[in-house]
Protein backbone atom coordinates (compact mmCIF):
# COMPACT_ATOMS: atom_id res chain seq x y z
CA MET A 1 3.32 -5.28 -12.16
CA LEU A 2 6.68 -7.13 -12.41
CA LYS A 3 7.64 -9.10 -15.52
CA ASP A 4 10.48 -11.45 -16.51
CA LYS A 5 12.06 -8.88 -18.86
CA PRO A 6 12.60 -5.13 -18.56
CA TYR A 7 9.75 -3.08 -19.99
CA LYS A 8 8.89 0.58 -20.52
CA LEU A 9 5.85 2.73 -19.93
CA THR A 10 5.68 5.89 -22.04
CA ASP A 11 3.66 9.09 -22.18
CA GLY A 12 4.16 9.47 -25.96
CA LYS A 13 6.08 12.73 -25.59
CA GLY A 14 9.56 11.48 -24.72
CA LEU A 15 9.11 10.53 -21.05
CA ARG A 16 9.58 6.82 -20.30
CA LEU A 17 9.65 4.73 -17.15
CA TRP A 18 11.86 1.63 -17.50
CA VAL A 19 11.00 -1.12 -15.04
CA LYS A 20 13.49 -3.95 -14.50
CA PRO A 21 12.61 -7.50 -13.35
CA ASN A 22 14.04 -6.80 -9.87
CA GLY A 23 11.61 -3.88 -9.46
CA SER A 24 14.12 -1.04 -9.93
CA LYS A 25 12.93 1.90 -12.02
CA GLU A 26 14.56 4.49 -14.28
CA TRP A 27 12.90 7.61 -15.60
CA ARG A 28 14.24 8.55 -19.04
CA TYR A 29 13.44 11.67 -21.05
CA ARG A 30 14.45 12.09 -24.70
CA PHE A 31 14.82 15.61 -25.98
CA GLU A 32 16.36 17.46 -28.91
CA LEU A 33 18.21 20.76 -28.65
CA ARG A 34 17.29 22.99 -31.57
CA SER A 35 20.79 24.45 -31.78
CA SER A 36 22.55 21.11 -32.31
CA ARG A 37 19.98 18.71 -33.89
CA ARG A 38 21.33 16.11 -31.51
CA VAL A 39 18.94 13.89 -29.58
CA SER A 40 19.89 13.64 -25.92
CA ARG A 41 18.58 11.57 -23.04
CA LEU A 42 18.31 12.43 -19.35
CA THR A 43 18.12 9.41 -17.05
CA LEU A 44 17.12 9.42 -13.37
CA SER A 45 17.44 6.15 -11.45
CA LEU A 46 15.84 5.20 -8.17
CA PHE A 47 17.86 3.07 -5.75
CA GLU A 48 16.64 1.51 -2.55
CA ASN A 49 18.83 0.61 0.42
CA ARG A 50 18.07 -2.92 1.54
């Protein structure tokens, strides 16, 4: 399902899939380390060779 603007799909527990208008996708996961109280994000991108 492609749209004109980027959009996200979420599981409600910090995992999100960002989908861009060109069809590229990024998995993002938000997490907090108890020792630092800092919220961090891990991003994995998928790239296709065309």
